[in-house]
Protein backbone atom coordinates (compact mmCIF):
# COMPACT_ATOMS: atom_id res chain seq x y z
CA GLU A 1 -7.92 4.94 -1.11
CA HIS A 2 -9.76 5.37 2.18
CA MET A 3 -9.61 9.15 2.71
CA PRO A 4 -11.89 11.85 1.20
CA LEU A 5 -9.04 14.01 -0.13
CA ASP A 6 -9.17 16.02 -3.33
CA ARG A 7 -6.08 16.78 -5.42
CA SER A 8 -5.53 20.17 -3.81
CA ALA A 9 -5.36 18.70 -0.31
CA ARG A 10 -3.22 15.78 -1.47
CA GLY A 11 -0.79 18.06 -3.28
CA TRP A 12 -0.47 20.33 -0.24
CA MET A 13 0.25 17.34 2.00
CA CYS A 14 2.86 15.94 -0.40
CA GLU A 15 4.72 19.24 -0.53
CA CYS A 16 4.63 19.58 3.27
CA TYR A 17 6.06 16.09 3.71
CA LYS A 18 8.82 16.71 1.17
CA ALA A 19 9.71 19.97 2.91
CA MET A 20 10.30 17.88 6.05
CA ASN A 21 12.39 15.31 4.11
CA ILE A 22 9.60 12.72 4.34
CA ALA A 23 8.86 10.79 1.15
CA PRO A 24 5.10 11.08 0.45
CA ILE A 25 3.50 7.81 -0.67
CA VAL A 26 -0.08 7.83 -1.95
CA ARG A 27 -2.45 4.87 -2.11
CA ILE A 28 -4.64 5.60 -5.10
CA PRO A 29 -8.33 4.50 -5.03
CA PHE A 30 -7.98 1.83 -7.73
CA CYS A 31 -5.62 0.61 -10.44
CA SER A 32 -5.59 3.42 -12.98
CA ALA A 33 -2.84 4.98 -15.06
CA TRP A 34 -4.52 8.36 -14.69
CA GLU A 35 -4.83 8.08 -10.89
CA ALA A 36 -1.17 7.07 -10.55
CA PHE A 37 -0.03 9.77 -12.96
CA ALA A 38 -2.08 12.42 -11.14
CA ALA A 39 -0.73 11.43 -7.73
CA ILE A 40 2.86 11.79 -8.97
CA GLU A 41 2.01 15.13 -10.57
CA ASP A 42 0.65 16.19 -7.17
CA GLY A 43 3.99 15.43 -5.54
CA ALA A 44 3.88 11.76 -4.54
CA VAL A 45 7.19 9.90 -4.57
CA GLY A 46 5.60 6.47 -4.31
CA ILE A 47 2.34 4.91 -5.49
CA ILE A 48 0.43 2.08 -3.81
CA SER A 49 -2.35 0.56 -5.88
CA PRO A 50 -4.96 -1.58 -4.07
CA TYR A 51 -6.21 -5.08 -4.83
CA LEU A 52 -3.89 -5.93 -7.69
CA GLU A 53 -4.41 -9.39 -9.14
CA THR A 54 -3.09 -9.46 -12.72
CA VAL A 55 0.09 -8.79 -14.66
CA GLU A 56 -1.93 -6.48 -16.92
CA GLU A 57 -2.73 -4.26 -13.94
CA VAL A 58 0.94 -4.17 -12.98
CA ASP A 59 1.85 -3.06 -16.51
CA ILE A 60 -0.67 -0.22 -16.32
CA LEU A 61 1.06 1.09 -13.21
CA ILE A 62 4.57 0.57 -14.54
CA GLY A 63 3.67 2.72 -17.52
CA ALA A 64 2.32 5.53 -15.33
CA VAL A 65 5.02 5.47 -12.64
CA LYS A 66 8.18 4.49 -14.53
CA TYR A 67 7.57 5.70 -18.10
CA ARG A 68 5.75 8.99 -17.48
CA PRO A 69 5.01 11.04 -19.60
CA LEU A 70 5.04 8.41 -22.38
CA LYS A 71 1.47 7.30 -23.14
CA GLY A 72 -0.77 5.80 -25.77
CA LYS A 73 0.01 3.08 -28.27
CA ARG A 74 3.77 3.62 -28.11
CA LEU A 75 3.79 3.00 -24.36
CA GLN A 76 1.75 -0.17 -24.84
CA GLN A 77 4.22 -1.38 -27.45
CA VAL A 78 7.11 -0.77 -25.05
CA LEU A 79 5.41 -2.54 -22.15
CA SER A 80 4.52 -5.56 -24.30
CA GLY A 81 8.06 -5.82 -25.65
CA GLU A 82 6.91 -5.11 -29.19
CA LEU A 83 9.00 -1.93 -29.32
CA GLN A 84 12.40 -1.15 -27.84
CA LEU A 85 13.22 2.38 -26.76
CA THR A 86 16.47 3.95 -27.91
CA GLN A 87 19.18 4.42 -25.30
CA LYS A 88 18.54 8.15 -25.47
CA GLU A 89 14.86 7.62 -24.63
CA LYS A 90 15.65 5.15 -21.84
CA SER A 91 18.14 7.52 -20.23
CA TYR A 92 15.70 10.42 -20.40
CA LEU A 93 12.78 8.50 -18.88
CA GLU A 94 14.94 6.96 -16.15
CA LYS A 95 16.14 10.42 -15.15
CA TYR A 96 12.66 11.94 -15.45
CA ASN A 97 11.17 9.28 -13.17
CA ASP A 98 14.15 8.80 -10.89
CA GLY A 99 13.09 7.99 -7.33
CA HIS A 100 9.49 7.09 -8.13
CA LEU A 101 8.37 3.95 -6.32
CA LEU A 102 5.78 1.42 -7.46
CA ILE A 103 4.24 -0.56 -4.59
CA LEU A 104 1.71 -3.32 -5.20
CA ASN A 105 -1.09 -3.84 -2.67
CA ILE A 106 -1.66 -7.60 -2.28
CA GLU A 107 -5.08 -8.30 -0.76
CA SER A 108 -6.52 -11.45 -2.33
CA ARG A 109 -5.95 -15.18 -2.61
CA LEU A 110 -5.68 -14.84 -6.41
CA ALA A 111 -2.88 -12.29 -6.10
CA VAL A 112 -0.97 -14.54 -3.70
CA GLU A 113 -1.35 -17.51 -6.05
CA HIS A 114 0.27 -15.44 -8.81
CA ILE A 115 2.70 -13.50 -6.62
CA GLU A 116 5.82 -14.50 -8.57
CA GLU A 117 4.26 -13.38 -11.86
CA LEU A 118 3.22 -10.05 -10.35
CA LEU A 119 6.75 -9.43 -9.10
CA ALA A 120 8.49 -10.57 -12.28
CA LYS A 121 9.20 -7.12 -13.72
CA PRO A 122 12.13 -5.13 -12.29
CA GLU A 123 10.07 -1.93 -12.14
CA VAL A 124 8.16 -3.25 -9.10
CA ASP A 125 9.81 -1.81 -5.98
CA ALA A 126 7.79 -3.25 -3.10
CA VAL A 127 4.66 -5.05 -1.93
CA PHE A 128 2.20 -3.79 0.66
CA ILE A 129 0.00 -6.47 2.22
CA GLY A 130 -3.56 -5.66 3.29
CA PRO A 131 -4.12 -8.16 6.14
CA HIS A 132 -7.76 -7.24 6.75
CA ASP A 133 -8.94 -7.44 3.14
CA LEU A 134 -6.75 -10.48 2.52
CA SER A 135 -8.27 -12.40 5.43
CA ILE A 136 -11.77 -11.59 4.18
CA ASN A 137 -10.94 -12.62 0.63
CA MET A 138 -9.58 -15.92 1.98
CA GLY A 139 -12.86 -16.57 3.79
CA ILE A 140 -11.33 -16.27 7.26
CA PRO A 141 -12.23 -12.69 8.32
CA GLU A 142 -9.71 -11.25 10.79
CA GLU A 143 -8.44 -14.72 11.74
CA TYR A 144 -4.86 -13.50 11.90
CA GLU A 145 -3.74 -16.50 13.98
CA ASN A 146 -5.19 -18.95 11.47
CA PRO A 147 -2.36 -21.20 10.18
CA GLU A 148 -3.54 -20.70 6.59
CA PHE A 149 -3.34 -16.93 6.99
CA GLU A 150 0.10 -17.14 8.61
CA ALA A 151 1.35 -19.35 5.76
CA THR A 152 -0.02 -16.90 3.20
CA ILE A 153 1.80 -13.94 4.78
CA GLU A 154 5.01 -15.96 4.88
CA LYS A 155 4.61 -16.89 1.22
CA ILE A 156 4.38 -13.21 0.26
CA ILE A 157 7.35 -12.25 2.42
CA THR A 158 9.45 -15.08 0.98
CA ALA A 159 8.60 -14.12 -2.61
CA CYS A 160 9.56 -10.49 -1.98
CA ASN A 161 12.79 -11.36 -0.20
CA LYS A 162 13.69 -13.67 -3.08
CA LYS A 163 13.27 -10.74 -5.51
CA LYS A 164 15.10 -8.42 -3.09
CA ILE A 165 12.23 -5.93 -2.99
CA GLY A 166 10.51 -4.33 -0.02
CA VAL A 167 7.53 -5.89 1.72
CA GLY A 168 5.30 -4.57 4.48
CA ASN A 169 1.75 -4.09 5.66
CA HIS A 170 -0.59 -1.84 7.62
CA PHE A 171 -1.90 -3.63 10.68
CA SER A 172 -3.97 -1.95 13.37
CA GLY A 173 -3.91 -4.94 15.71
CA GLY A 174 -1.26 -5.70 18.28
CA LEU A 175 2.37 -4.88 17.67
CA ASP A 176 3.26 -8.49 18.45
CA LYS A 177 2.08 -9.54 14.98
CA GLN A 178 4.09 -6.82 13.28
CA ILE A 179 7.20 -7.82 15.21
CA GLN A 180 6.59 -11.47 14.35
CA TRP A 181 6.29 -10.69 10.63
CA ALA A 182 9.27 -8.32 10.72
CA LYS A 183 11.42 -11.11 12.14
CA LYS A 184 10.39 -13.24 9.18
CA GLY A 185 11.62 -10.64 6.70
CA MET A 186 9.00 -7.90 6.49
CA GLY A 187 10.89 -4.61 6.32
CA ILE A 188 8.09 -2.02 6.05
CA VAL A 189 6.10 -1.73 9.27
CA VAL A 190 3.02 0.50 9.38
CA TRP A 191 1.07 0.25 12.61
CA ASN A 192 -2.18 1.97 13.57
CA SER A 193 -3.17 5.45 12.33
CA ASP A 194 -3.45 8.92 13.80
CA ILE A 195 -7.26 8.81 13.89
CA ASN A 196 -7.44 5.35 15.47
CA ALA A 197 -4.82 6.23 18.07
CA PHE A 198 -6.66 9.46 18.93
CA VAL A 199 -10.07 7.80 19.28
CA LYS A 200 -8.64 4.95 21.37
CA THR A 201 -6.83 7.28 23.78
CA VAL A 202 -9.79 9.64 24.20
CA SER A 203 -12.28 6.78 24.60
CA GLU A 204 -10.15 5.06 27.23
CA GLY A 205 -9.80 8.32 29.16
CA PHE A 206 -13.51 9.11 29.16
CA ASN A 207 -14.30 5.48 29.93
CA ALA A 208 -12.08 5.54 33.02
CA VAL A 209 -13.58 8.80 34.30
CA ARG A 210 -17.21 7.80 33.74
CA ASP A 211 -16.69 4.31 35.14
CA ALA A 212 -15.21 5.86 38.27
CA LEU A 213 -18.20 8.20 38.58
CA GLY A 214 -20.76 5.56 37.64
CA GLU A 215 -21.79 7.52 34.55
CA ALA A 216 -20.37 5.41 31.72
CA SER A 217 -22.66 5.24 28.69
CA LYS A 218 -21.69 2.56 26.20
CA THR A 219 -23.07 1.56 22.82
CA GLY A 220 -23.99 -1.99 21.90
CA ALA A 221 -20.50 -2.36 20.42
CA GLY A 222 -18.94 -1.38 23.73
CA ASP A 223 -17.85 2.09 22.58
CA VAL A 224 -18.01 4.94 25.06
CA THR A 225 -20.25 7.89 24.27
CA ILE A 226 -18.11 11.03 24.31
């Protein structure tokens, strides 16, 4: 969602990860059957779709991730319950899509209000919380200690644990929050990123040297000029 990668680069990365026995998971840019389908074709094992809020969006992703390559009207009939697949078809599609994970990105108040509906179908494997976007959508930007925000995170964790599916988030703040949420039942912990960690380490190093030499040059935001 946040990286300028084309399909060639994404496919190369997925194959490299799989060669190292690491399951590649791709967060697609938006809820789209084509985007999810393409990511799996490129080698992704799991799909994360951002800012999901409706059951209809979940069905779109279920069709792409769990029923590939079935498409069109017949797929819509299956997803709506209007049509039942034969056992032969079910067995084939289950085998064809074995191991593919569908992960819902929960990042809004509306999604949290309807969390049980979004998790109702057994094809949903996990939930990935977006703390930053969620806090903004709630009208409390980055107020991660706000009791309302804490209660919202706990509500999501509880709903996922009740359904016995995975739940996690990507948080670039302190590890204390991740540990706190993990103790409450969050099993997928993603902290920081390679780019953020690199910039932080390099900035701190240059900052220390230039401060010691009286040559530190900082921006209005407090960043060190490198």
